[in-house]
All heavy atoms as atom14 arrays in JSON, in Angstrom:
{
  "sequence": "AYGISTTMGVALRGRSSNLGALTVSRHSG",
  "atom14_mask": [
    [1, 1, 1, 1, 1, 0, 0, 0, 0, 0, 0, 0, 0, 0],
    [1, 1, 1, 1, 1, 1, 1, 1, 1, 1, 1, 1, 0, 0],
    [1, 1, 1, 1, 0, 0, 0, 0, 0, 0, 0, 0, 0, 0],
    [1, 1, 1, 1, 1, 1, 1, 1, 0, 0, 0, 0, 0, 0],
    [1, 1, 1, 1, 1, 1, 0, 0, 0, 0, 0, 0, 0, 0],
    [1, 1, 1, 1, 1, 1, 1, 0, 0, 0, 0, 0, 0, 0],
    [1, 1, 1, 1, 1, 1, 1, 0, 0, 0, 0, 0, 0, 0],
    [1, 1, 1, 1, 1, 1, 1, 1, 0, 0, 0, 0, 0, 0],
    [1, 1, 1, 1, 0, 0, 0, 0, 0, 0, 0, 0, 0, 0],
    [1, 1, 1, 1, 1, 1, 1, 0, 0, 0, 0, 0, 0, 0],
    [1, 1, 1, 1, 1, 0, 0, 0, 0, 0, 0, 0, 0, 0],
    [1, 1, 1, 1, 1, 1, 1, 1, 0, 0, 0, 0, 0, 0],
    [1, 1, 1, 1, 1, 1, 1, 1, 1, 1, 1, 0, 0, 0],
    [1, 1, 1, 1, 0, 0, 0, 0, 0, 0, 0, 0, 0, 0],
    [1, 1, 1, 1, 1, 1, 1, 1, 1, 1, 1, 0, 0, 0],
    [1, 1, 1, 1, 1, 1, 0, 0, 0, 0, 0, 0, 0, 0],
    [1, 1, 1, 1, 1, 1, 0, 0, 0, 0, 0, 0, 0, 0],
    [1, 1, 1, 1, 1, 1, 1, 1, 0, 0, 0, 0, 0, 0],
    [1, 1, 1, 1, 1, 1, 1, 1, 0, 0, 0, 0, 0, 0],
    [1, 1, 1, 1, 0, 0, 0, 0, 0, 0, 0, 0, 0, 0],
    [1, 1, 1, 1, 1, 0, 0, 0, 0, 0, 0, 0, 0, 0],
    [1, 1, 1, 1, 1, 1, 1, 1, 0, 0, 0, 0, 0, 0],
    [1, 1, 1, 1, 1, 1, 1, 0, 0, 0, 0, 0, 0, 0],
    [1, 1, 1, 1, 1, 1, 1, 0, 0, 0, 0, 0, 0, 0],
    [1, 1, 1, 1, 1, 1, 0, 0, 0, 0, 0, 0, 0, 0],
    [1, 1, 1, 1, 1, 1, 1, 1, 1, 1, 1, 0, 0, 0],
    [1, 1, 1, 1, 1, 1, 1, 1, 1, 1, 0, 0, 0, 0],
    [1, 1, 1, 1, 1, 1, 0, 0, 0, 0, 0, 0, 0, 0],
    [1, 1, 1, 1, 0, 0, 0, 0, 0, 0, 0, 0, 0, 0]
  ],
  "atom14_positions": [
    [[109.12, 113.16, 104.35], [108.72, 114.54, 104.65], [107.25, 114.82, 104.36], [106.56, 115.54, 105.09], [109.59, 115.53, 103.86], [0.0, 0.0, 0.0], [0.0, 0.0, 0.0], [0.0, 0.0, 0.0], [0.0, 0.0, 0.0], [0.0, 0.0, 0.0], [0.0, 0.0, 0.0], [0.0, 0.0, 0.0], [0.0, 0.0, 0.0], [0.0, 0.0, 0.0]],
    [[106.74, 114.2, 103.27], [105.37, 114.56, 102.81], [104.47, 113.32, 102.62], [103.25, 113.44, 102.78], [105.45, 115.36, 101.5], [106.18, 116.66, 101.69], [107.52, 116.77, 101.39], [105.51, 117.78, 102.2], [108.19, 117.99, 101.56], [106.19, 118.96, 102.4], [107.54, 119.07, 102.08], [108.2, 120.24, 102.29], [0.0, 0.0, 0.0], [0.0, 0.0, 0.0]],
    [[105.04, 112.23, 102.19], [104.22, 111.03, 101.97], [103.39, 111.1, 100.72], [103.21, 112.16, 100.11], [0.0, 0.0, 0.0], [0.0, 0.0, 0.0], [0.0, 0.0, 0.0], [0.0, 0.0, 0.0], [0.0, 0.0, 0.0], [0.0, 0.0, 0.0], [0.0, 0.0, 0.0], [0.0, 0.0, 0.0], [0.0, 0.0, 0.0], [0.0, 0.0, 0.0]],
    [[102.91, 109.93, 100.3], [101.94, 109.82, 99.19], [100.85, 108.87, 99.7], [101.09, 107.69, 99.95], [102.57, 109.26, 97.9], [103.65, 110.2, 97.38], [101.51, 109.08, 96.84], [104.38, 109.66, 96.17], [0.0, 0.0, 0.0], [0.0, 0.0, 0.0], [0.0, 0.0, 0.0], [0.0, 0.0, 0.0], [0.0, 0.0, 0.0], [0.0, 0.0, 0.0]],
    [[99.67, 109.38, 99.89], [98.58, 108.59, 100.51], [97.59, 108.02, 99.51], [96.92, 107.03, 99.76], [97.84, 109.41, 101.58], [97.2, 110.56, 100.94], [0.0, 0.0, 0.0], [0.0, 0.0, 0.0], [0.0, 0.0, 0.0], [0.0, 0.0, 0.0], [0.0, 0.0, 0.0], [0.0, 0.0, 0.0], [0.0, 0.0, 0.0], [0.0, 0.0, 0.0]],
    [[97.44, 108.66, 98.36], [96.43, 108.28, 97.38], [96.85, 108.77, 96.0], [97.56, 109.77, 95.9], [95.06, 108.85, 97.76], [94.06, 108.42, 96.79], [95.07, 110.37, 97.81], [0.0, 0.0, 0.0], [0.0, 0.0, 0.0], [0.0, 0.0, 0.0], [0.0, 0.0, 0.0], [0.0, 0.0, 0.0], [0.0, 0.0, 0.0], [0.0, 0.0, 0.0]],
    [[96.48, 108.08, 94.98], [96.89, 108.47, 93.62], [95.84, 108.05, 92.61], [95.02, 107.15, 92.85], [98.26, 107.88, 93.24], [98.72, 108.51, 92.06], [98.15, 106.38, 93.03], [0.0, 0.0, 0.0], [0.0, 0.0, 0.0], [0.0, 0.0, 0.0], [0.0, 0.0, 0.0], [0.0, 0.0, 0.0], [0.0, 0.0, 0.0], [0.0, 0.0, 0.0]],
    [[95.86, 108.7, 91.46], [95.01, 108.35, 90.32], [95.7, 108.83, 89.06], [96.58, 109.69, 89.09], [93.61, 108.92, 90.44], [93.53, 110.4, 90.46], [91.8, 111.0, 90.54], [92.05, 112.79, 90.65], [0.0, 0.0, 0.0], [0.0, 0.0, 0.0], [0.0, 0.0, 0.0], [0.0, 0.0, 0.0], [0.0, 0.0, 0.0], [0.0, 0.0, 0.0]],
    [[95.3, 108.25, 87.93], [95.9, 108.63, 86.68], [95.12, 108.2, 85.46], [94.29, 107.27, 85.57], [0.0, 0.0, 0.0], [0.0, 0.0, 0.0], [0.0, 0.0, 0.0], [0.0, 0.0, 0.0], [0.0, 0.0, 0.0], [0.0, 0.0, 0.0], [0.0, 0.0, 0.0], [0.0, 0.0, 0.0], [0.0, 0.0, 0.0], [0.0, 0.0, 0.0]],
    [[95.32, 108.86, 84.35], [94.64, 108.53, 83.11], [95.61, 108.63, 81.97], [96.6, 109.38, 82.03], [93.45, 109.48, 82.82], [92.35, 109.28, 83.87], [93.91, 110.95, 82.86], [0.0, 0.0, 0.0], [0.0, 0.0, 0.0], [0.0, 0.0, 0.0], [0.0, 0.0, 0.0], [0.0, 0.0, 0.0], [0.0, 0.0, 0.0], [0.0, 0.0, 0.0]],
    [[95.32, 107.88, 80.91], [96.12, 107.97, 79.7], [95.76, 109.24, 78.95], [94.57, 109.64, 78.9], [95.87, 106.73, 78.82], [0.0, 0.0, 0.0], [0.0, 0.0, 0.0], [0.0, 0.0, 0.0], [0.0, 0.0, 0.0], [0.0, 0.0, 0.0], [0.0, 0.0, 0.0], [0.0, 0.0, 0.0], [0.0, 0.0, 0.0], [0.0, 0.0, 0.0]],
    [[96.74, 109.88, 78.36], [96.5, 110.99, 77.41], [96.36, 110.36, 76.06], [97.3, 109.79, 75.48], [97.69, 111.99, 77.48], [97.91, 112.64, 78.84], [99.19, 113.43, 78.82], [96.72, 113.49, 79.23], [0.0, 0.0, 0.0], [0.0, 0.0, 0.0], [0.0, 0.0, 0.0], [0.0, 0.0, 0.0], [0.0, 0.0, 0.0], [0.0, 0.0, 0.0]],
    [[95.16, 110.46, 75.5], [94.81, 109.67, 74.3], [94.84, 110.49, 73.02], [94.17, 111.52, 72.9], [93.43, 109.05, 74.51], [93.37, 108.06, 75.65], [91.98, 107.51, 75.84], [91.04, 108.52, 76.22], [89.74, 108.34, 76.26], [89.2, 107.18, 75.87], [88.92, 109.3, 76.66], [0.0, 0.0, 0.0], [0.0, 0.0, 0.0], [0.0, 0.0, 0.0]],
    [[95.63, 110.04, 72.08], [95.66, 110.68, 70.76], [94.64, 110.0, 69.85], [93.93, 109.09, 70.27], [0.0, 0.0, 0.0], [0.0, 0.0, 0.0], [0.0, 0.0, 0.0], [0.0, 0.0, 0.0], [0.0, 0.0, 0.0], [0.0, 0.0, 0.0], [0.0, 0.0, 0.0], [0.0, 0.0, 0.0], [0.0, 0.0, 0.0], [0.0, 0.0, 0.0]],
    [[94.59, 110.45, 68.63], [93.62, 109.89, 67.68], [93.95, 108.44, 67.33], [93.0, 107.64, 67.07], [93.6, 110.72, 66.4], [92.85, 112.06, 66.59], [93.11, 112.97, 65.39], [94.48, 113.46, 65.36], [94.96, 114.34, 64.5], [94.16, 114.79, 63.56], [96.2, 114.73, 64.55], [0.0, 0.0, 0.0], [0.0, 0.0, 0.0], [0.0, 0.0, 0.0]],
    [[95.24, 108.06, 67.34], [95.59, 106.69, 66.94], [96.31, 105.9, 68.02], [96.4, 104.67, 67.93], [96.45, 106.74, 65.67], [97.64, 107.46, 65.9], [0.0, 0.0, 0.0], [0.0, 0.0, 0.0], [0.0, 0.0, 0.0], [0.0, 0.0, 0.0], [0.0, 0.0, 0.0], [0.0, 0.0, 0.0], [0.0, 0.0, 0.0], [0.0, 0.0, 0.0]],
    [[96.82, 106.58, 69.05], [97.54, 105.88, 70.09], [97.61, 106.76, 71.33], [97.3, 107.96, 71.3], [98.98, 105.53, 69.64], [99.7, 106.72, 69.36], [0.0, 0.0, 0.0], [0.0, 0.0, 0.0], [0.0, 0.0, 0.0], [0.0, 0.0, 0.0], [0.0, 0.0, 0.0], [0.0, 0.0, 0.0], [0.0, 0.0, 0.0], [0.0, 0.0, 0.0]],
    [[98.04, 106.16, 72.44], [98.19, 106.92, 73.66], [99.47, 107.75, 73.62], [100.54, 107.27, 73.15], [98.22, 105.98, 74.89], [96.86, 105.33, 75.12], [95.84, 105.91, 74.83], [96.88, 104.13, 75.65], [0.0, 0.0, 0.0], [0.0, 0.0, 0.0], [0.0, 0.0, 0.0], [0.0, 0.0, 0.0], [0.0, 0.0, 0.0], [0.0, 0.0, 0.0]],
    [[99.38, 109.0, 74.06], [100.49, 109.94, 73.99], [101.33, 109.93, 75.27], [102.53, 110.26, 75.26], [99.97, 111.34, 73.78], [99.01, 111.56, 72.63], [98.43, 112.94, 72.67], [99.69, 111.32, 71.29], [0.0, 0.0, 0.0], [0.0, 0.0, 0.0], [0.0, 0.0, 0.0], [0.0, 0.0, 0.0], [0.0, 0.0, 0.0], [0.0, 0.0, 0.0]],
    [[100.71, 109.58, 76.4], [101.38, 109.65, 77.68], [100.39, 109.43, 78.79], [99.36, 108.8, 78.61], [0.0, 0.0, 0.0], [0.0, 0.0, 0.0], [0.0, 0.0, 0.0], [0.0, 0.0, 0.0], [0.0, 0.0, 0.0], [0.0, 0.0, 0.0], [0.0, 0.0, 0.0], [0.0, 0.0, 0.0], [0.0, 0.0, 0.0], [0.0, 0.0, 0.0]],
    [[100.74, 109.92, 79.97], [99.88, 109.75, 81.15], [99.87, 111.01, 81.99], [100.89, 111.7, 82.12], [100.34, 108.55, 81.96], [0.0, 0.0, 0.0], [0.0, 0.0, 0.0], [0.0, 0.0, 0.0], [0.0, 0.0, 0.0], [0.0, 0.0, 0.0], [0.0, 0.0, 0.0], [0.0, 0.0, 0.0], [0.0, 0.0, 0.0], [0.0, 0.0, 0.0]],
    [[98.74, 111.25, 82.63], [98.56, 112.34, 83.6], [98.24, 111.66, 84.96], [97.28, 110.89, 85.06], [97.4, 113.26, 83.19], [96.87, 114.21, 84.25], [97.94, 115.21, 84.64], [95.62, 114.93, 83.69], [0.0, 0.0, 0.0], [0.0, 0.0, 0.0], [0.0, 0.0, 0.0], [0.0, 0.0, 0.0], [0.0, 0.0, 0.0], [0.0, 0.0, 0.0]],
    [[99.1, 111.91, 85.95], [98.91, 111.31, 87.24], [98.82, 112.39, 88.33], [99.44, 113.46, 88.2], [100.04, 110.33, 87.6], [101.31, 110.99, 87.49], [100.04, 109.12, 86.66], [0.0, 0.0, 0.0], [0.0, 0.0, 0.0], [0.0, 0.0, 0.0], [0.0, 0.0, 0.0], [0.0, 0.0, 0.0], [0.0, 0.0, 0.0], [0.0, 0.0, 0.0]],
    [[98.08, 112.08, 89.4], [97.91, 113.01, 90.5], [98.03, 112.24, 91.8], [97.57, 111.09, 91.91], [96.51, 113.68, 90.46], [96.48, 114.9, 91.4], [96.14, 114.12, 89.06], [0.0, 0.0, 0.0], [0.0, 0.0, 0.0], [0.0, 0.0, 0.0], [0.0, 0.0, 0.0], [0.0, 0.0, 0.0], [0.0, 0.0, 0.0], [0.0, 0.0, 0.0]],
    [[98.64, 112.85, 92.81], [98.73, 112.19, 94.13], [98.61, 113.25, 95.22], [98.75, 114.44, 94.96], [100.04, 111.44, 94.28], [101.15, 112.3, 94.2], [0.0, 0.0, 0.0], [0.0, 0.0, 0.0], [0.0, 0.0, 0.0], [0.0, 0.0, 0.0], [0.0, 0.0, 0.0], [0.0, 0.0, 0.0], [0.0, 0.0, 0.0], [0.0, 0.0, 0.0]],
    [[98.27, 112.77, 96.44], [98.13, 113.63, 97.59], [99.09, 113.22, 98.68], [99.44, 112.06, 98.82], [96.71, 113.59, 98.12], [95.69, 114.32, 97.26], [94.27, 114.12, 97.76], [93.33, 114.97, 96.97], [92.03, 114.79, 96.93], [91.47, 113.82, 97.61], [91.29, 115.6, 96.22], [0.0, 0.0, 0.0], [0.0, 0.0, 0.0], [0.0, 0.0, 0.0]],
    [[99.47, 114.21, 99.48], [100.38, 113.95, 100.62], [99.65, 113.16, 101.7], [98.42, 113.0, 101.69], [100.85, 115.27, 101.21], [101.61, 116.14, 100.28], [101.73, 117.5, 100.45], [102.25, 115.86, 99.14], [102.46, 118.02, 99.49], [102.77, 117.01, 98.63], [0.0, 0.0, 0.0], [0.0, 0.0, 0.0], [0.0, 0.0, 0.0], [0.0, 0.0, 0.0]],
    [[100.44, 112.67, 102.67], [99.86, 111.92, 103.79], [98.87, 112.77, 104.55], [99.07, 113.97, 104.7], [101.0, 111.48, 104.74], [101.86, 110.56, 104.13], [0.0, 0.0, 0.0], [0.0, 0.0, 0.0], [0.0, 0.0, 0.0], [0.0, 0.0, 0.0], [0.0, 0.0, 0.0], [0.0, 0.0, 0.0], [0.0, 0.0, 0.0], [0.0, 0.0, 0.0]],
    [[97.79, 112.09, 105.02], [96.8, 112.81, 105.81], [95.72, 113.48, 105.01], [94.77, 114.01, 105.57], [0.0, 0.0, 0.0], [0.0, 0.0, 0.0], [0.0, 0.0, 0.0], [0.0, 0.0, 0.0], [0.0, 0.0, 0.0], [0.0, 0.0, 0.0], [0.0, 0.0, 0.0], [0.0, 0.0, 0.0], [0.0, 0.0, 0.0], [0.0, 0.0, 0.0]]
  ]
}
């Protein structure tokens, strides 16, 4: 229905370790 054409992401960084991840993507076209 929508597709995923491109993506990027970064680690969510704490003082002593990574907490998680933030990712973003765009639909086709």
